[in-house]
Amino acid sequence: MEQHHNPFASKAARLLLILGVFFVTNALLAELIGVKIFALEDSFGWKPFNWNLFGEKGSLNFTVGVILWPFVFIMTDIINEYFGLKGVRRLSYLAIIFIIYAFGIIYLAIELSPAGFWPASNVDKGVPDMQNAYAVIFGQGMWIIAGSIIAFLLGQLIDVFVFHKIKGMTGEGKIWLRATGSTAISQIIDSVVVLYIAFVIGPQHWSVNQWLAIATVNYVYKMTAAVALTPALYWVHNIIDKFLGKELSEKMRAEAMKN
């Protein structure tokens, strides 16, 4: 009788599947919902912060995508911990492929001719033209997409490199240091690159001062979120270690360092 091999029979394979799906899903969702800009102060009922940097003034407005990116950072560090640099790289490349694929399908969907009744179908809800609304919400500019993808890839590659350098110096302890340290360095690149490509060399042509000011505010937000989520990092580590068992967990971590 023919026996079928279960590719997810091992705990390591099941763990990679769960972490990988969560990682790619969050990266893709962050890209798709990122078209909306929200006011942080108004969302929490705070008084306007009114930052003043590089001669530029503003309030704490962010793309909605920043809500999910801290979870991507955590997944990056956890995948790095158990599957090494190669594991994170492969999942990062996979996420980029799916992001490009998703936007390709979205642009195809936008170009399809709408049914005659559809553009005016939600006039009573304050949407005069559903086709235009659909195109504006889903059809993000190519400069924004390109900037986000390049920044994501550079940030991920730098994150995993710094993570392993810190772990090589500190050993298995001080998870917070390698997680926060790698995020601190990688997100400088991410915050600067995405805005530079999307809004400086892109069609909006931001000034250098505006670019640096907004990049700084974004970086501070990301780092604050990363530090705040440090307890969650330890919590997820504990869950994984219990799932794998001490022996398998230590073996996977050792192999991850070799990779």
C-alpha atoms as a PDB file:
ATOM      1  CA  MET A   1       0.000   0.000   0.000  1.00  0.00           C
ATOM      2  CA  GLU A   2       1.377   3.385  -0.987  1.00  0.00           C
ATOM      3  CA  GLN A   3       2.288   5.625   1.932  1.00  0.00           C
ATOM      4  CA  HIS A   4       2.070   9.393   1.615  1.00  0.00           C
ATOM      5  CA  HIS A   5       4.736  11.454   3.317  1.00  0.00           C
ATOM      6  CA  ASN A   6       3.468  14.348   5.433  1.00  0.00           C
ATOM      7  CA  PRO A   7       5.805  17.325   4.811  1.00  0.00           C
ATOM      8  CA  PHE A   8       4.611  18.964   8.036  1.00  0.00           C
ATOM      9  CA  ALA A   9       5.032  15.952  10.294  1.00  0.00           C
ATOM     10  CA  SER A  10       7.979  17.521  12.127  1.00  0.00           C
ATOM     11  CA  LYS A  11       7.507  20.286  14.674  1.00  0.00           C
ATOM     12  CA  ALA A  12      10.156  22.399  12.938  1.00  0.00           C
ATOM     13  CA  ALA A  13       8.242  22.282   9.638  1.00  0.00           C
ATOM     14  CA  ARG A  14       4.945  23.174  11.328  1.00  0.00           C
ATOM     15  CA  LEU A  15       6.621  26.050  13.142  1.00  0.00           C
ATOM     16  CA  LEU A  16       8.134  27.408   9.915  1.00  0.00           C
ATOM     17  CA  LEU A  17       4.737  27.180   8.191  1.00  0.00           C
ATOM     18  CA  ILE A  18       2.968  29.137  10.958  1.00  0.00           C
ATOM     19  CA  LEU A  19       5.672  31.789  11.304  1.00  0.00           C
ATOM     20  CA  GLY A  20       6.111  32.099   7.540  1.00  0.00           C
ATOM     21  CA  VAL A  21       2.400  32.528   6.799  1.00  0.00           C
ATOM     22  CA  PHE A  22       2.039  35.101   9.586  1.00  0.00           C
ATOM     23  CA  PHE A  23       5.136  36.973   8.395  1.00  0.00           C
ATOM     24  CA  VAL A  24       4.120  37.121   4.728  1.00  0.00           C
ATOM     25  CA  THR A  25       0.474  37.937   5.538  1.00  0.00           C
ATOM     26  CA  ASN A  26       1.415  40.881   7.765  1.00  0.00           C
ATOM     27  CA  ALA A  27       3.909  42.236   5.221  1.00  0.00           C
ATOM     28  CA  LEU A  28       1.304  42.040   2.441  1.00  0.00           C
ATOM     29  CA  LEU A  29      -1.468  43.555   4.569  1.00  0.00           C
ATOM     30  CA  ALA A  30       0.790  46.422   5.644  1.00  0.00           C
ATOM     31  CA  GLU A  31       1.355  47.280   1.984  1.00  0.00           C
ATOM     32  CA  LEU A  32      -2.329  47.083   1.057  1.00  0.00           C
ATOM     33  CA  ILE A  33      -3.751  49.120   3.957  1.00  0.00           C
ATOM     34  CA  GLY A  34      -0.860  51.598   3.994  1.00  0.00           C
ATOM     35  CA  VAL A  35      -2.613  54.026   1.643  1.00  0.00           C
ATOM     36  CA  LYS A  36      -4.560  55.480   4.598  1.00  0.00           C
ATOM     37  CA  ILE A  37      -2.910  58.131   6.775  1.00  0.00           C
ATOM     38  CA  PHE A  38      -4.176  58.335  10.355  1.00  0.00           C
ATOM     39  CA  ALA A  39      -3.690  60.902  13.134  1.00  0.00           C
ATOM     40  CA  LEU A  40      -2.173  59.236  16.193  1.00  0.00           C
ATOM     41  CA  GLU A  41      -3.123  62.027  18.608  1.00  0.00           C
ATOM     42  CA  ASP A  42      -6.764  62.154  17.496  1.00  0.00           C
ATOM     43  CA  SER A  43      -7.050  58.353  17.587  1.00  0.00           C
ATOM     44  CA  PHE A  44      -6.115  58.316  21.286  1.00  0.00           C
ATOM     45  CA  GLY A  45      -7.703  61.637  22.229  1.00  0.00           C
ATOM     46  CA  TRP A  46      -4.339  63.299  22.866  1.00  0.00           C
ATOM     47  CA  LYS A  47      -3.432  66.931  22.378  1.00  0.00           C
ATOM     48  CA  PRO A  48      -1.499  67.624  19.140  1.00  0.00           C
ATOM     49  CA  PHE A  49       2.191  66.883  19.611  1.00  0.00           C
ATOM     50  CA  ASN A  50       3.310  69.518  17.090  1.00  0.00           C
ATOM     51  CA  TRP A  51       6.842  68.284  16.430  1.00  0.00           C
ATOM     52  CA  ASN A  52       9.439  70.648  15.010  1.00  0.00           C
ATOM     53  CA  LEU A  53      12.394  69.055  13.218  1.00  0.00           C
ATOM     54  CA  PHE A  54      14.792  70.344  10.548  1.00  0.00           C
ATOM     55  CA  GLY A  55      12.697  73.497  10.254  1.00  0.00           C
ATOM     56  CA  GLU A  56       9.551  71.453   9.509  1.00  0.00           C
ATOM     57  CA  LYS A  57       6.460  71.285  11.724  1.00  0.00           C
ATOM     58  CA  GLY A  58       3.698  68.706  11.906  1.00  0.00           C
ATOM     59  CA  SER A  59       1.551  66.349  13.967  1.00  0.00           C
ATOM     60  CA  LEU A  60       1.864  62.606  14.454  1.00  0.00           C
ATOM     61  CA  ASN A  61       0.365  61.327  11.202  1.00  0.00           C
ATOM     62  CA  PHE A  62       1.340  57.857  10.002  1.00  0.00           C
ATOM     63  CA  THR A  63       0.407  55.352   7.360  1.00  0.00           C
ATOM     64  CA  VAL A  64      -1.868  52.661   8.783  1.00  0.00           C
ATOM     65  CA  GLY A  65       0.749  50.127   7.694  1.00  0.00           C
ATOM     66  CA  VAL A  66       2.924  51.056  10.692  1.00  0.00           C
ATOM     67  CA  ILE A  67       0.446  49.222  12.917  1.00  0.00           C
ATOM     68  CA  LEU A  68       1.530  45.902  11.407  1.00  0.00           C
ATOM     69  CA  TRP A  69       5.245  46.480  10.785  1.00  0.00           C
ATOM     70  CA  PRO A  70       6.227  45.977  14.479  1.00  0.00           C
ATOM     71  CA  PHE A  71       4.739  42.473  14.254  1.00  0.00           C
ATOM     72  CA  VAL A  72       6.817  41.880  11.124  1.00  0.00           C
ATOM     73  CA  PHE A  73       9.895  42.924  13.120  1.00  0.00           C
ATOM     74  CA  ILE A  74       9.049  40.402  15.848  1.00  0.00           C
ATOM     75  CA  MET A  75       8.477  37.632  13.311  1.00  0.00           C
ATOM     76  CA  THR A  76      11.787  38.488  11.645  1.00  0.00           C
ATOM     77  CA  ASP A  77      13.693  38.066  14.904  1.00  0.00           C
ATOM     78  CA  ILE A  78      11.889  34.860  15.872  1.00  0.00           C
ATOM     79  CA  ILE A  79      12.384  33.266  12.450  1.00  0.00           C
ATOM     80  CA  ASN A  80      16.018  34.367  12.622  1.00  0.00           C
ATOM     81  CA  GLU A  81      16.357  32.744  16.032  1.00  0.00           C
ATOM     82  CA  TYR A  82      15.170  29.308  14.930  1.00  0.00           C
ATOM     83  CA  PHE A  83      15.802  29.180  11.173  1.00  0.00           C
ATOM     84  CA  GLY A  84      18.732  31.532  10.682  1.00  0.00           C
ATOM     85  CA  LEU A  85      19.642  34.125   8.113  1.00  0.00           C
ATOM     86  CA  LYS A  86      18.687  31.909   5.168  1.00  0.00           C
ATOM     87  CA  GLY A  87      15.205  31.354   6.566  1.00  0.00           C
ATOM     88  CA  VAL A  88      14.504  35.080   6.913  1.00  0.00           C
ATOM     89  CA  ARG A  89      15.957  35.861   3.497  1.00  0.00           C
ATOM     90  CA  ARG A  90      13.840  33.271   1.742  1.00  0.00           C
ATOM     91  CA  LEU A  91      10.655  34.416   3.468  1.00  0.00           C
ATOM     92  CA  SER A  92      11.509  38.055   2.708  1.00  0.00           C
ATOM     93  CA  TYR A  93      11.959  37.248  -0.981  1.00  0.00           C
ATOM     94  CA  LEU A  94       8.693  35.293  -0.915  1.00  0.00           C
ATOM     95  CA  ALA A  95       6.883  38.236   0.711  1.00  0.00           C
ATOM     96  CA  ILE A  96       8.179  40.597  -1.982  1.00  0.00           C
ATOM     97  CA  ILE A  97       7.073  38.217  -4.746  1.00  0.00           C
ATOM     98  CA  PHE A  98       3.568  38.051  -3.256  1.00  0.00           C
ATOM     99  CA  ILE A  99       3.426  41.843  -2.796  1.00  0.00           C
ATOM    100  CA  ILE A 100       4.362  42.410  -6.433  1.00  0.00           C
ATOM    101  CA  TYR A 101       1.884  39.721  -7.502  1.00  0.00           C
ATOM    102  CA  ALA A 102      -0.890  41.313  -5.391  1.00  0.00           C
ATOM    103  CA  PHE A 103      -0.365  44.770  -6.863  1.00  0.00           C
ATOM    104  CA  GLY A 104      -0.236  43.289 -10.364  1.00  0.00           C
ATOM    105  CA  ILE A 105      -3.653  41.701  -9.826  1.00  0.00           C
ATOM    106  CA  ILE A 106      -4.966  44.919  -8.275  1.00  0.00           C
ATOM    107  CA  TYR A 107      -3.910  47.007 -11.272  1.00  0.00           C
ATOM    108  CA  LEU A 108      -5.552  44.462 -13.579  1.00  0.00           C
ATOM    109  CA  ALA A 109      -8.751  44.684 -11.516  1.00  0.00           C
ATOM    110  CA  ILE A 110      -8.710  48.485 -11.717  1.00  0.00           C
ATOM    111  CA  GLU A 111      -8.416  48.395 -15.506  1.00  0.00           C
ATOM    112  CA  LEU A 112     -11.465  46.134 -15.923  1.00  0.00           C
ATOM    113  CA  SER A 113     -14.502  48.116 -17.081  1.00  0.00           C
ATOM    114  CA  PRO A 114     -17.030  48.573 -14.253  1.00  0.00           C
ATOM    115  CA  ALA A 115     -20.634  47.475 -14.609  1.00  0.00           C
ATOM    116  CA  GLY A 116     -22.874  50.348 -15.645  1.00  0.00           C
ATOM    117  CA  PHE A 117     -24.681  50.595 -12.314  1.00  0.00           C
ATOM    118  CA  TRP A 118     -21.618  50.201 -10.074  1.00  0.00           C
ATOM    119  CA  PRO A 119     -19.934  53.666 -10.151  1.00  0.00           C
ATOM    120  CA  ALA A 120     -23.038  55.335  -8.691  1.00  0.00           C
ATOM    121  CA  SER A 121     -24.103  52.425  -6.461  1.00  0.00           C
ATOM    122  CA  ASN A 122     -23.001  54.111  -3.209  1.00  0.00           C
ATOM    123  CA  VAL A 123     -23.871  57.754  -3.842  1.00  0.00           C
ATOM    124  CA  ASP A 124     -26.227  57.661  -0.820  1.00  0.00           C
ATOM    125  CA  LYS A 125     -23.214  56.699   1.367  1.00  0.00           C
ATOM    126  CA  GLY A 126     -21.147  59.662   0.256  1.00  0.00           C
ATOM    127  CA  VAL A 127     -19.187  57.890  -2.507  1.00  0.00           C
ATOM    128  CA  PRO A 128     -20.042  59.618  -5.816  1.00  0.00           C
ATOM    129  CA  ASP A 129     -17.939  57.297  -8.000  1.00  0.00           C
ATOM    130  CA  MET A 130     -17.072  53.797  -6.798  1.00  0.00           C
ATOM    131  CA  GLN A 131     -14.700  53.169  -9.706  1.00  0.00           C
ATOM    132  CA  ASN A 132     -12.579  56.207  -8.861  1.00  0.00           C
ATOM    133  CA  ALA A 133     -12.689  55.370  -5.153  1.00  0.00           C
ATOM    134  CA  TYR A 134     -11.605  51.810  -5.878  1.00  0.00           C
ATOM    135  CA  ALA A 135      -8.740  53.014  -8.086  1.00  0.00           C
ATOM    136  CA  VAL A 136      -7.535  55.594  -5.556  1.00  0.00           C
ATOM    137  CA  ILE A 137      -7.622  53.264  -2.553  1.00  0.00           C
ATOM    138  CA  PHE A 138      -6.109  50.168  -4.156  1.00  0.00           C
ATOM    139  CA  GLY A 139      -4.025  51.749  -6.913  1.00  0.00           C
ATOM    140  CA  GLN A 140      -1.088  53.060  -4.915  1.00  0.00           C
ATOM    141  CA  GLY A 141       1.535  54.929  -6.902  1.00  0.00           C
ATOM    142  CA  MET A 142       4.418  52.949  -8.393  1.00  0.00           C
ATOM    143  CA  TRP A 143       6.952  55.143  -6.583  1.00  0.00           C
ATOM    144  CA  ILE A 144       5.378  54.276  -3.212  1.00  0.00           C
ATOM    145  CA  ILE A 145       5.278  50.558  -4.042  1.00  0.00           C
ATOM    146  CA  ALA A 146       8.880  50.548  -5.293  1.00  0.00           C
ATOM    147  CA  GLY A 147      10.127  52.520  -2.291  1.00  0.00           C
ATOM    148  CA  SER A 148       8.327  50.276   0.165  1.00  0.00           C
ATOM    149  CA  ILE A 149       9.575  47.035  -1.423  1.00  0.00           C
ATOM    150  CA  ILE A 150      13.203  48.185  -1.667  1.00  0.00           C
ATOM    151  CA  ALA A 151      13.162  49.556   1.892  1.00  0.00           C
ATOM    152  CA  PHE A 152      11.581  46.340   3.190  1.00  0.00           C
ATOM    153  CA  LEU A 153      14.212  44.153   1.538  1.00  0.00           C
ATOM    154  CA  LEU A 154      17.150  46.277   2.690  1.00  0.00           C
ATOM    155  CA  GLY A 155      15.716  46.516   6.201  1.00  0.00           C
ATOM    156  CA  GLN A 156      15.241  42.748   6.454  1.00  0.00           C
ATOM    157  CA  LEU A 157      18.728  41.888   5.198  1.00  0.00           C
ATOM    158  CA  ILE A 158      20.356  44.369   7.566  1.00  0.00           C
ATOM    159  CA  ASP A 159      18.162  43.211  10.462  1.00  0.00           C
ATOM    160  CA  VAL A 160      19.181  39.560  10.174  1.00  0.00           C
ATOM    161  CA  PHE A 161      22.862  40.434   9.762  1.00  0.00           C
ATOM    162  CA  VAL A 162      22.962  42.681  12.858  1.00  0.00           C
ATOM    163  CA  PHE A 163      20.840  40.174  14.818  1.00  0.00           C
ATOM    164  CA  HIS A 164      23.394  37.403  14.282  1.00  0.00           C
ATOM    165  CA  LYS A 165      26.333  39.691  15.015  1.00  0.00           C
ATOM    166  CA  ILE A 166      24.834  40.658  18.382  1.00  0.00           C
ATOM    167  CA  LYS A 167      23.870  37.064  19.180  1.00  0.00           C
ATOM    168  CA  GLY A 168      27.388  35.930  18.327  1.00  0.00           C
ATOM    169  CA  MET A 169      28.733  38.360  20.930  1.00  0.00           C
ATOM    170  CA  THR A 170      26.121  37.823  23.660  1.00  0.00           C
ATOM    171  CA  GLY A 171      25.152  34.154  23.245  1.00  0.00           C
ATOM    172  CA  GLU A 172      21.655  32.827  23.944  1.00  0.00           C
ATOM    173  CA  GLY A 173      20.855  35.427  26.597  1.00  0.00           C
ATOM    174  CA  LYS A 174      19.731  39.029  26.130  1.00  0.00           C
ATOM    175  CA  ILE A 175      17.043  38.399  23.540  1.00  0.00           C
ATOM    176  CA  TRP A 176      15.892  42.006  24.015  1.00  0.00           C
ATOM    177  CA  LEU A 177      19.318  43.351  23.015  1.00  0.00           C
ATOM    178  CA  ARG A 178      19.634  41.529  19.696  1.00  0.00           C
ATOM    179  CA  ALA A 179      15.976  42.121  18.824  1.00  0.00           C
ATOM    180  CA  THR A 180      15.972  45.836  19.673  1.00  0.00           C
ATOM    181  CA  GLY A 181      19.505  46.415  18.391  1.00  0.00           C
ATOM    182  CA  SER A 182      18.847  44.849  14.996  1.00  0.00           C
ATOM    183  CA  THR A 183      15.566  46.757  14.674  1.00  0.00           C
ATOM    184  CA  ALA A 184      17.215  50.047  15.683  1.00  0.00           C
ATOM    185  CA  ILE A 185      19.757  49.813  12.869  1.00  0.00           C
ATOM    186  CA  SER A 186      17.596  48.252  10.156  1.00  0.00           C
ATOM    187  CA  GLN A 187      14.739  50.711  10.635  1.00  0.00           C
ATOM    188  CA  ILE A 188      17.008  53.695  10.066  1.00  0.00           C
ATOM    189  CA  ILE A 189      17.475  52.341   6.542  1.00  0.00           C
ATOM    190  CA  ASP A 190      13.819  51.397   6.143  1.00  0.00           C
ATOM    191  CA  SER A 191      12.442  54.756   7.326  1.00  0.00           C
ATOM    192  CA  VAL A 192      14.845  56.801   5.216  1.00  0.00           C
ATOM    193  CA  VAL A 193      14.780  54.763   2.001  1.00  0.00           C
ATOM    194  CA  VAL A 194      11.021  54.323   1.604  1.00  0.00           C
ATOM    195  CA  LEU A 195      10.325  58.050   1.941  1.00  0.00           C
ATOM    196  CA  TYR A 196      13.269  59.038  -0.244  1.00  0.00           C
ATOM    197  CA  ILE A 197      12.199  56.851  -3.161  1.00  0.00           C
ATOM    198  CA  ALA A 198       8.456  57.486  -2.782  1.00  0.00           C
ATOM    199  CA  PHE A 199       8.429  61.219  -2.083  1.00  0.00           C
ATOM    200  CA  VAL A 200      11.835  62.802  -2.793  1.00  0.00           C
ATOM    201  CA  ILE A 201      12.755  61.327  -6.170  1.00  0.00           C
ATOM    202  CA  GLY A 202       9.092  60.491  -6.775  1.00  0.00           C
ATOM    203  CA  PRO A 203       6.573  62.944  -8.282  1.00  0.00           C
ATOM    204  CA  GLN A 204       5.951  64.888  -5.033  1.00  0.00           C
ATOM    205  CA  HIS A 205       9.591  66.087  -4.761  1.00  0.00           C
ATOM    206  CA  TRP A 206       9.785  66.647  -1.021  1.00  0.00           C
ATOM    207  CA  SER A 207      12.533  68.927   0.269  1.00  0.00           C
ATOM    208  CA  VAL A 208      15.460  67.310   2.087  1.00  0.00           C
ATOM    209  CA  ASN A 209      14.335  68.866   5.385  1.00  0.00           C
ATOM    210  CA  GLN A 210      10.788  67.533   5.001  1.00  0.00           C
ATOM    211  CA  TRP A 211      12.134  64.085   4.133  1.00  0.00           C
ATOM    212  CA  LEU A 212      14.486  63.969   7.147  1.00  0.00           C
ATOM    213  CA  ALA A 213      11.856  65.324   9.542  1.00  0.00           C
ATOM    214  CA  ILE A 214       9.146  62.828   8.598  1.00  0.00           C
ATOM    215  CA  ALA A 215      11.657  59.952   8.421  1.00  0.00           C
ATOM    216  CA  THR A 216      12.793  60.816  11.974  1.00  0.00           C
ATOM    217  CA  VAL A 217       9.233  60.856  13.320  1.00  0.00           C
ATOM    218  CA  ASN A 218       8.507  57.510  11.618  1.00  0.00           C
ATOM    219  CA  TYR A 219      11.698  56.009  13.024  1.00  0.00           C
ATOM    220  CA  VAL A 220      10.915  57.129  16.577  1.00  0.00           C
ATOM    221  CA  TYR A 221       7.434  55.608  16.296  1.00  0.00           C
ATOM    222  CA  LYS A 222       8.790  52.275  15.020  1.00  0.00           C
ATOM    223  CA  MET A 223      11.405  52.067  17.757  1.00  0.00           C
ATOM    224  CA  THR A 224       8.872  52.957  20.447  1.00  0.00           C
ATOM    225  CA  ALA A 225       6.588  50.199  19.166  1.00  0.00           C
ATOM    226  CA  ALA A 226       9.490  47.716  18.993  1.00  0.00           C
ATOM    227  CA  VAL A 227      10.510  48.411  22.600  1.00  0.00           C
ATOM    228  CA  ALA A 228       6.889  48.217  23.780  1.00  0.00           C
ATOM    229  CA  LEU A 229       6.509  44.809  22.112  1.00  0.00           C
ATOM    230  CA  THR A 230       9.641  43.325  23.733  1.00  0.00           C
ATOM    231  CA  PRO A 231       7.563  41.445  26.362  1.00  0.00           C
ATOM    232  CA  ALA A 232       5.558  39.904  23.507  1.00  0.00           C
ATOM    233  CA  LEU A 233       8.829  38.695  21.984  1.00  0.00           C
ATOM    234  CA  TYR A 234       9.704  36.797  25.183  1.00  0.00           C
ATOM    235  CA  TRP A 235       6.154  35.446  25.397  1.00  0.00           C
ATOM    236  CA  VAL A 236       6.293  34.040  21.853  1.00  0.00           C
ATOM    237  CA  HIS A 237       9.749  32.588  22.516  1.00  0.00           C
ATOM    238  CA  ASN A 238       8.438  30.737  25.565  1.00  0.00           C
ATOM    239  CA  ILE A 239       5.483  29.340  23.636  1.00  0.00           C
ATOM    240  CA  ILE A 240       7.765  28.098  20.840  1.00  0.00           C
ATOM    241  CA  ASP A 241      10.262  26.565  23.255  1.00  0.00           C
ATOM    242  CA  LYS A 242       7.467  24.655  24.990  1.00  0.00           C
ATOM    243  CA  PHE A 243       6.094  23.512  21.627  1.00  0.00           C
ATOM    244  CA  LEU A 244       9.489  22.315  20.369  1.00  0.00           C
ATOM    245  CA  GLY A 245      10.832  20.961  23.625  1.00  0.00           C
ATOM    246  CA  LYS A 246      14.189  21.931  25.137  1.00  0.00           C
ATOM    247  CA  GLU A 247      16.334  19.558  23.077  1.00  0.00           C
ATOM    248  CA  LEU A 248      14.870  20.450  19.671  1.00  0.00           C
ATOM    249  CA  SER A 249      14.771  24.153  20.502  1.00  0.00           C
ATOM    250  CA  GLU A 250      18.472  24.234  21.408  1.00  0.00           C
ATOM    251  CA  LYS A 251      19.370  22.191  18.319  1.00  0.00           C
ATOM    252  CA  MET A 252      17.460  24.532  15.982  1.00  0.00           C
ATOM    253  CA  ARG A 253      18.997  27.636  17.543  1.00  0.00           C
ATOM    254  CA  ALA A 254      22.493  26.209  17.167  1.00  0.00           C
ATOM    255  CA  GLU A 255      21.867  25.299  13.508  1.00  0.00           C
ATOM    256  CA  ALA A 256      20.389  28.767  12.902  1.00  0.00           C
ATOM    257  CA  MET A 257      23.634  30.363  14.077  1.00  0.00           C
ATOM    258  CA  LYS A 258      25.651  28.159  11.721  1.00  0.00           C
ATOM    259  CA  ASN A 259      23.462  29.217   8.803  1.00  0.00           C
END
